[in-house]
């Protein structure tokens, strides 16, 4: 824990104007920065001889549709030598383009493509920014909160046309209301059926 606090102090002293906030939680250091300072901060964390965050573990996206700064990116870095992890967090607006870190961490290539595919976040100076998880003609970005759970299209193989085709989503059953008041007594419609059966027996 002492080593983690020492790293936090070092980062705050060396990057004083770049760090908006920093805190330690669950034995992980989190630093919050402005999106314009991303390249400089990531480069420092990797190249500084005391930090040595030489491995990029992941890039995670978050969508806050009601927030002015709708999207958040969290970069997870690991220092093998110090056995310390750091999260670099930045928030930005819907149409902002974020700098790619592929020149610092080549492994960010596919991670940034996943974020682009799932959230529609664009990266400046990325060598090959295109979808990686969804199909070529896919519409929308599945991890955005406003994306419908059923999607817009469904894919199936057509025996008639002998190829894969796209069709608008069609739900095969009507929406059903469920009540979960008591798992022992059953739902209301079961109670109504039982009451009708009792009534029929009396008559």
C-alpha atoms as a PDB file:
ATOM      1  CA  UNK A   1       0.000   0.000   0.000  1.00  0.00           C
ATOM      2  CA  UNK A   2       2.894   2.352   0.761  1.00  0.00           C
ATOM      3  CA  UNK A   3       4.311   1.799  -2.728  1.00  0.00           C
ATOM      4  CA  UNK A   4       0.920   2.662  -4.216  1.00  0.00           C
ATOM      5  CA  UNK A   5       0.750   5.917  -2.236  1.00  0.00           C
ATOM      6  CA  UNK A   6       4.297   6.764  -3.281  1.00  0.00           C
ATOM      7  CA  UNK A   7       3.366   6.272  -6.943  1.00  0.00           C
ATOM      8  CA  UNK A   8       0.286   8.470  -6.458  1.00  0.00           C
ATOM      9  CA  UNK A   9       2.424  11.253  -4.947  1.00  0.00           C
ATOM     10  CA  UNK A  10       4.953  10.961  -7.775  1.00  0.00           C
ATOM     11  CA  UNK A  11       2.265  11.158 -10.467  1.00  0.00           C
ATOM     12  CA  UNK A  12       0.586  14.134  -8.796  1.00  0.00           C
ATOM     13  CA  UNK A  13       3.882  15.993  -8.423  1.00  0.00           C
ATOM     14  CA  UNK A  14       5.164  15.282 -11.955  1.00  0.00           C
ATOM     15  CA  UNK A  15       1.814  15.773 -13.697  1.00  0.00           C
ATOM     16  CA  UNK A  16       0.317  18.362 -11.371  1.00  0.00           C
ATOM     17  CA  UNK A  17      -1.501  20.337 -14.085  1.00  0.00           C
ATOM     18  CA  UNK A  18      -2.744  17.193 -15.856  1.00  0.00           C
ATOM     19  CA  UNK A  19      -4.360  15.325 -12.931  1.00  0.00           C
ATOM     20  CA  UNK A  20      -7.910  16.406 -12.088  1.00  0.00           C
ATOM     21  CA  UNK A  21      -8.340  13.893  -9.268  1.00  0.00           C
ATOM     22  CA  UNK A  22      -6.658  10.782  -7.859  1.00  0.00           C
ATOM     23  CA  UNK A  23      -7.648   8.193  -5.254  1.00  0.00           C
ATOM     24  CA  UNK A  24      -6.826   4.671  -4.088  1.00  0.00           C
ATOM     25  CA  UNK A  25      -9.634   2.112  -3.817  1.00  0.00           C
ATOM     26  CA  UNK A  26      -9.438  -1.692  -3.600  1.00  0.00           C
ATOM     27  CA  UNK A  27      -5.645  -1.445  -3.809  1.00  0.00           C
ATOM     28  CA  UNK A  28      -5.868   0.230  -7.209  1.00  0.00           C
ATOM     29  CA  UNK A  29      -4.892   3.763  -8.076  1.00  0.00           C
ATOM     30  CA  UNK A  30      -7.340   5.760 -10.191  1.00  0.00           C
ATOM     31  CA  UNK A  31      -6.423   9.060 -11.811  1.00  0.00           C
ATOM     32  CA  UNK A  32      -8.879  11.301 -13.636  1.00  0.00           C
ATOM     33  CA  UNK A  33      -7.626  13.456 -16.493  1.00  0.00           C
ATOM     34  CA  UNK A  34      -8.810  15.670 -19.336  1.00  0.00           C
ATOM     35  CA  UNK A  35      -9.038  13.881 -22.698  1.00  0.00           C
ATOM     36  CA  UNK A  36      -6.543  16.356 -24.231  1.00  0.00           C
ATOM     37  CA  UNK A  37      -3.825  15.191 -21.812  1.00  0.00           C
ATOM     38  CA  UNK A  38      -4.264  11.476 -22.514  1.00  0.00           C
ATOM     39  CA  UNK A  39      -1.162  10.927 -24.682  1.00  0.00           C
ATOM     40  CA  UNK A  40       1.167  12.781 -22.337  1.00  0.00           C
ATOM     41  CA  UNK A  41      -0.129  11.002 -19.209  1.00  0.00           C
ATOM     42  CA  UNK A  42      -0.029   7.506 -20.752  1.00  0.00           C
ATOM     43  CA  UNK A  43       3.479   8.140 -22.102  1.00  0.00           C
ATOM     44  CA  UNK A  44       4.683   9.264 -18.675  1.00  0.00           C
ATOM     45  CA  UNK A  45       3.188   6.233 -16.893  1.00  0.00           C
ATOM     46  CA  UNK A  46       4.894   3.873 -19.322  1.00  0.00           C
ATOM     47  CA  UNK A  47       8.328   5.502 -19.618  1.00  0.00           C
ATOM     48  CA  UNK A  48       8.935   6.869 -16.119  1.00  0.00           C
ATOM     49  CA  UNK A  49      11.567   4.711 -14.358  1.00  0.00           C
ATOM     50  CA  UNK A  50       9.662   4.659 -11.058  1.00  0.00           C
ATOM     51  CA  UNK A  51       6.209   3.966 -12.519  1.00  0.00           C
ATOM     52  CA  UNK A  52       7.003   1.435 -15.279  1.00  0.00           C
ATOM     53  CA  UNK A  53       3.403   0.753 -16.286  1.00  0.00           C
ATOM     54  CA  UNK A  54       4.548  -1.223 -19.313  1.00  0.00           C
ATOM     55  CA  UNK A  55       1.423  -3.305 -20.002  1.00  0.00           C
ATOM     56  CA  UNK A  56      -1.960  -2.111 -21.219  1.00  0.00           C
ATOM     57  CA  UNK A  57      -4.528  -4.542 -19.798  1.00  0.00           C
ATOM     58  CA  UNK A  58      -7.711  -3.124 -21.305  1.00  0.00           C
ATOM     59  CA  UNK A  59      -9.639  -0.067 -22.462  1.00  0.00           C
ATOM     60  CA  UNK A  60     -13.182   0.046 -21.082  1.00  0.00           C
ATOM     61  CA  UNK A  61     -15.982   2.319 -22.232  1.00  0.00           C
ATOM     62  CA  UNK A  62     -18.920   3.596 -20.171  1.00  0.00           C
ATOM     63  CA  UNK A  63     -22.062   5.377 -21.386  1.00  0.00           C
ATOM     64  CA  UNK A  64     -23.866   7.975 -19.252  1.00  0.00           C
ATOM     65  CA  UNK A  65     -26.651   9.147 -21.621  1.00  0.00           C
ATOM     66  CA  UNK A  66     -28.044  11.761 -19.203  1.00  0.00           C
ATOM     67  CA  UNK A  67     -24.661  13.363 -18.529  1.00  0.00           C
ATOM     68  CA  UNK A  68     -23.268  16.372 -20.404  1.00  0.00           C
ATOM     69  CA  UNK A  69     -20.039  14.412 -20.847  1.00  0.00           C
ATOM     70  CA  UNK A  70     -21.754  11.261 -22.033  1.00  0.00           C
ATOM     71  CA  UNK A  71     -18.821   8.864 -22.480  1.00  0.00           C
ATOM     72  CA  UNK A  72     -16.039   7.710 -20.192  1.00  0.00           C
ATOM     73  CA  UNK A  73     -12.940   5.744 -21.140  1.00  0.00           C
ATOM     74  CA  UNK A  74     -10.938   3.841 -18.533  1.00  0.00           C
ATOM     75  CA  UNK A  75      -7.414   2.677 -19.398  1.00  0.00           C
ATOM     76  CA  UNK A  76      -6.123  -0.152 -17.177  1.00  0.00           C
ATOM     77  CA  UNK A  77      -2.330  -0.321 -16.892  1.00  0.00           C
ATOM     78  CA  UNK A  78      -0.104  -2.765 -15.033  1.00  0.00           C
ATOM     79  CA  UNK A  79       3.431  -2.419 -13.694  1.00  0.00           C
ATOM     80  CA  UNK A  80       4.913  -5.926 -13.420  1.00  0.00           C
ATOM     81  CA  UNK A  81       8.018  -4.674 -11.642  1.00  0.00           C
ATOM     82  CA  UNK A  82       6.075  -2.821  -8.936  1.00  0.00           C
ATOM     83  CA  UNK A  83       3.035  -5.171  -8.983  1.00  0.00           C
ATOM     84  CA  UNK A  84       0.759  -2.122  -9.154  1.00  0.00           C
ATOM     85  CA  UNK A  85      -2.263  -1.308 -11.291  1.00  0.00           C
ATOM     86  CA  UNK A  86      -3.495   2.123 -12.320  1.00  0.00           C
ATOM     87  CA  UNK A  87      -6.739   3.222 -13.945  1.00  0.00           C
ATOM     88  CA  UNK A  88      -6.661   6.324 -16.116  1.00  0.00           C
ATOM     89  CA  UNK A  89     -10.160   7.748 -16.485  1.00  0.00           C
ATOM     90  CA  UNK A  90     -11.371  10.493 -18.823  1.00  0.00           C
ATOM     91  CA  UNK A  91     -14.866  11.793 -19.669  1.00  0.00           C
ATOM     92  CA  UNK A  92     -15.907  13.596 -22.832  1.00  0.00           C
ATOM     93  CA  UNK A  93     -18.863  14.649 -24.937  1.00  0.00           C
ATOM     94  CA  UNK A  94     -20.709  12.676 -27.618  1.00  0.00           C
ATOM     95  CA  UNK A  95     -18.962  13.904 -30.777  1.00  0.00           C
ATOM     96  CA  UNK A  96     -15.440  14.341 -29.417  1.00  0.00           C
ATOM     97  CA  UNK A  97     -12.606  12.422 -31.083  1.00  0.00           C
ATOM     98  CA  UNK A  98     -10.060  10.876 -28.703  1.00  0.00           C
ATOM     99  CA  UNK A  99      -6.361  10.497 -29.425  1.00  0.00           C
ATOM    100  CA  UNK A 100      -5.276   6.936 -30.174  1.00  0.00           C
ATOM    101  CA  UNK A 101      -2.540   5.466 -27.969  1.00  0.00           C
ATOM    102  CA  UNK A 102      -1.494   2.804 -30.504  1.00  0.00           C
ATOM    103  CA  UNK A 103       1.926   4.442 -30.939  1.00  0.00           C
ATOM    104  CA  UNK A 104       2.581   4.004 -27.206  1.00  0.00           C
ATOM    105  CA  UNK A 105       0.863   0.622 -26.794  1.00  0.00           C
ATOM    106  CA  UNK A 106       0.420  -1.257 -30.121  1.00  0.00           C
ATOM    107  CA  UNK A 107      -1.990  -3.642 -28.354  1.00  0.00           C
ATOM    108  CA  UNK A 108      -4.446  -0.732 -28.097  1.00  0.00           C
ATOM    109  CA  UNK A 109      -5.262  -1.277 -31.782  1.00  0.00           C
ATOM    110  CA  UNK A 110      -7.917  -3.947 -31.252  1.00  0.00           C
ATOM    111  CA  UNK A 111      -9.078  -2.492 -27.928  1.00  0.00           C
ATOM    112  CA  UNK A 112      -9.838   0.870 -29.535  1.00  0.00           C
ATOM    113  CA  UNK A 113     -11.599  -0.892 -32.399  1.00  0.00           C
ATOM    114  CA  UNK A 114     -13.824  -2.703 -29.874  1.00  0.00           C
ATOM    115  CA  UNK A 115     -14.682   0.611 -28.182  1.00  0.00           C
ATOM    116  CA  UNK A 116     -15.427   2.167 -31.580  1.00  0.00           C
ATOM    117  CA  UNK A 117     -17.643  -0.787 -32.526  1.00  0.00           C
ATOM    118  CA  UNK A 118     -19.570  -0.980 -29.246  1.00  0.00           C
ATOM    119  CA  UNK A 119     -19.877   2.753 -28.424  1.00  0.00           C
ATOM    120  CA  UNK A 120     -19.153   4.652 -31.645  1.00  0.00           C
ATOM    121  CA  UNK A 121     -16.233   6.522 -30.032  1.00  0.00           C
ATOM    122  CA  UNK A 122     -13.729   7.616 -32.692  1.00  0.00           C
ATOM    123  CA  UNK A 123      -9.953   7.669 -32.262  1.00  0.00           C
ATOM    124  CA  UNK A 124      -7.659  10.126 -33.985  1.00  0.00           C
ATOM    125  CA  UNK A 125      -4.566   8.667 -35.766  1.00  0.00           C
ATOM    126  CA  UNK A 126      -5.730   5.075 -35.373  1.00  0.00           C
ATOM    127  CA  UNK A 127      -4.165   2.929 -38.148  1.00  0.00           C
ATOM    128  CA  UNK A 128      -7.268   0.844 -38.946  1.00  0.00           C
ATOM    129  CA  UNK A 129     -10.436   2.098 -37.255  1.00  0.00           C
ATOM    130  CA  UNK A 130     -13.266  -0.230 -38.304  1.00  0.00           C
ATOM    131  CA  UNK A 131     -15.720  -2.616 -36.678  1.00  0.00           C
ATOM    132  CA  UNK A 132     -14.262  -5.737 -35.094  1.00  0.00           C
ATOM    133  CA  UNK A 133     -17.075  -7.535 -33.201  1.00  0.00           C
ATOM    134  CA  UNK A 134     -20.195  -6.874 -35.284  1.00  0.00           C
ATOM    135  CA  UNK A 135     -20.923  -7.670 -38.929  1.00  0.00           C
ATOM    136  CA  UNK A 136     -20.119  -5.418 -41.905  1.00  0.00           C
ATOM    137  CA  UNK A 137     -23.609  -4.005 -42.386  1.00  0.00           C
ATOM    138  CA  UNK A 138     -24.398  -3.676 -38.673  1.00  0.00           C
ATOM    139  CA  UNK A 139     -26.269  -0.521 -37.632  1.00  0.00           C
ATOM    140  CA  UNK A 140     -25.812   1.234 -34.296  1.00  0.00           C
ATOM    141  CA  UNK A 141     -23.527   0.588 -31.337  1.00  0.00           C
ATOM    142  CA  UNK A 142     -24.715  -2.236 -29.017  1.00  0.00           C
ATOM    143  CA  UNK A 143     -23.316  -0.987 -25.674  1.00  0.00           C
ATOM    144  CA  UNK A 144     -24.860   2.464 -25.894  1.00  0.00           C
ATOM    145  CA  UNK A 145     -27.733   2.754 -23.427  1.00  0.00           C
ATOM    146  CA  UNK A 146     -30.149   3.902 -26.142  1.00  0.00           C
ATOM    147  CA  UNK A 147     -29.549   0.781 -28.269  1.00  0.00           C
ATOM    148  CA  UNK A 148     -32.633  -1.532 -28.137  1.00  0.00           C
ATOM    149  CA  UNK A 149     -32.108  -4.869 -26.392  1.00  0.00           C
ATOM    150  CA  UNK A 150     -33.480  -6.757 -29.390  1.00  0.00           C
ATOM    151  CA  UNK A 151     -31.363  -4.812 -31.879  1.00  0.00           C
ATOM    152  CA  UNK A 152     -32.656  -3.419 -35.172  1.00  0.00           C
ATOM    153  CA  UNK A 153     -32.059  -6.440 -37.415  1.00  0.00           C
ATOM    154  CA  UNK A 154     -31.822 -10.199 -37.067  1.00  0.00           C
ATOM    155  CA  UNK A 155     -29.620 -12.470 -39.161  1.00  0.00           C
ATOM    156  CA  UNK A 156     -30.612 -15.884 -40.494  1.00  0.00           C
ATOM    157  CA  UNK A 157     -29.771 -18.276 -43.288  1.00  0.00           C
ATOM    158  CA  UNK A 158     -32.451 -18.423 -45.970  1.00  0.00           C
ATOM    159  CA  UNK A 159     -32.917 -21.843 -47.563  1.00  0.00           C
ATOM    160  CA  UNK A 160     -34.914 -20.191 -50.318  1.00  0.00           C
ATOM    161  CA  UNK A 161     -32.240 -17.652 -51.250  1.00  0.00           C
ATOM    162  CA  UNK A 162     -29.318 -19.880 -50.200  1.00  0.00           C
ATOM    163  CA  UNK A 163     -27.574 -17.059 -48.341  1.00  0.00           C
ATOM    164  CA  UNK A 164     -27.486 -15.161 -45.043  1.00  0.00           C
ATOM    165  CA  UNK A 165     -30.104 -12.410 -44.952  1.00  0.00           C
ATOM    166  CA  UNK A 166     -30.935  -9.495 -42.669  1.00  0.00           C
ATOM    167  CA  UNK A 167     -34.499  -8.819 -41.545  1.00  0.00           C
ATOM    168  CA  UNK A 168     -36.105  -6.310 -39.162  1.00  0.00           C
ATOM    169  CA  UNK A 169     -36.577  -7.814 -35.700  1.00  0.00           C
ATOM    170  CA  UNK A 170     -39.978  -9.461 -35.236  1.00  0.00           C
ATOM    171  CA  UNK A 171     -40.985 -10.696 -31.790  1.00  0.00           C
ATOM    172  CA  UNK A 172     -42.903 -13.948 -32.109  1.00  0.00           C
ATOM    173  CA  UNK A 173     -45.002 -13.572 -28.951  1.00  0.00           C
ATOM    174  CA  UNK A 174     -46.963 -10.792 -27.319  1.00  0.00           C
ATOM    175  CA  UNK A 175     -45.605  -9.041 -24.276  1.00  0.00           C
ATOM    176  CA  UNK A 176     -46.718 -10.837 -21.135  1.00  0.00           C
ATOM    177  CA  UNK A 177     -47.271  -9.243 -17.738  1.00  0.00           C
ATOM    178  CA  UNK A 178     -45.858 -11.119 -14.784  1.00  0.00           C
ATOM    179  CA  UNK A 179     -46.450 -10.454 -11.122  1.00  0.00           C
ATOM    180  CA  UNK A 180     -44.160 -11.954  -8.513  1.00  0.00           C
ATOM    181  CA  UNK A 181     -46.120 -11.376  -5.318  1.00  0.00           C
ATOM    182  CA  UNK A 182     -45.824 -14.965  -4.107  1.00  0.00           C
ATOM    183  CA  UNK A 183     -43.933 -17.804  -5.774  1.00  0.00           C
ATOM    184  CA  UNK A 184     -46.045 -20.262  -3.754  1.00  0.00           C
ATOM    185  CA  UNK A 185     -49.485 -19.051  -4.777  1.00  0.00           C
ATOM    186  CA  UNK A 186     -48.631 -18.360  -8.397  1.00  0.00           C
ATOM    187  CA  UNK A 187     -49.374 -15.345 -10.547  1.00  0.00           C
ATOM    188  CA  UNK A 188     -52.733 -13.576 -10.738  1.00  0.00           C
ATOM    189  CA  UNK A 189     -53.816 -15.252 -13.948  1.00  0.00           C
ATOM    190  CA  UNK A 190     -53.267 -18.695 -12.322  1.00  0.00           C
ATOM    191  CA  UNK A 191     -55.394 -17.616  -9.350  1.00  0.00           C
ATOM    192  CA  UNK A 192     -58.148 -16.547 -11.744  1.00  0.00           C
ATOM    193  CA  UNK A 193     -58.057 -19.943 -13.510  1.00  0.00           C
ATOM    194  CA  UNK A 194     -58.269 -21.773 -10.153  1.00  0.00           C
ATOM    195  CA  UNK A 195     -61.233 -19.621  -9.088  1.00  0.00           C
ATOM    196  CA  UNK A 196     -63.024 -20.373 -12.381  1.00  0.00           C
ATOM    197  CA  UNK A 197     -62.427 -24.113 -11.906  1.00  0.00           C
ATOM    198  CA  UNK A 198     -63.858 -23.947  -8.364  1.00  0.00           C
ATOM    199  CA  UNK A 199     -66.862 -22.020  -9.637  1.00  0.00           C
ATOM    200  CA  UNK A 200     -67.481 -24.595 -12.400  1.00  0.00           C
ATOM    201  CA  UNK A 201     -67.364 -27.488  -9.898  1.00  0.00           C
ATOM    202  CA  UNK A 202     -69.947 -25.829  -7.671  1.00  0.00           C
ATOM    203  CA  UNK A 203     -72.306 -25.389 -10.598  1.00  0.00           C
END
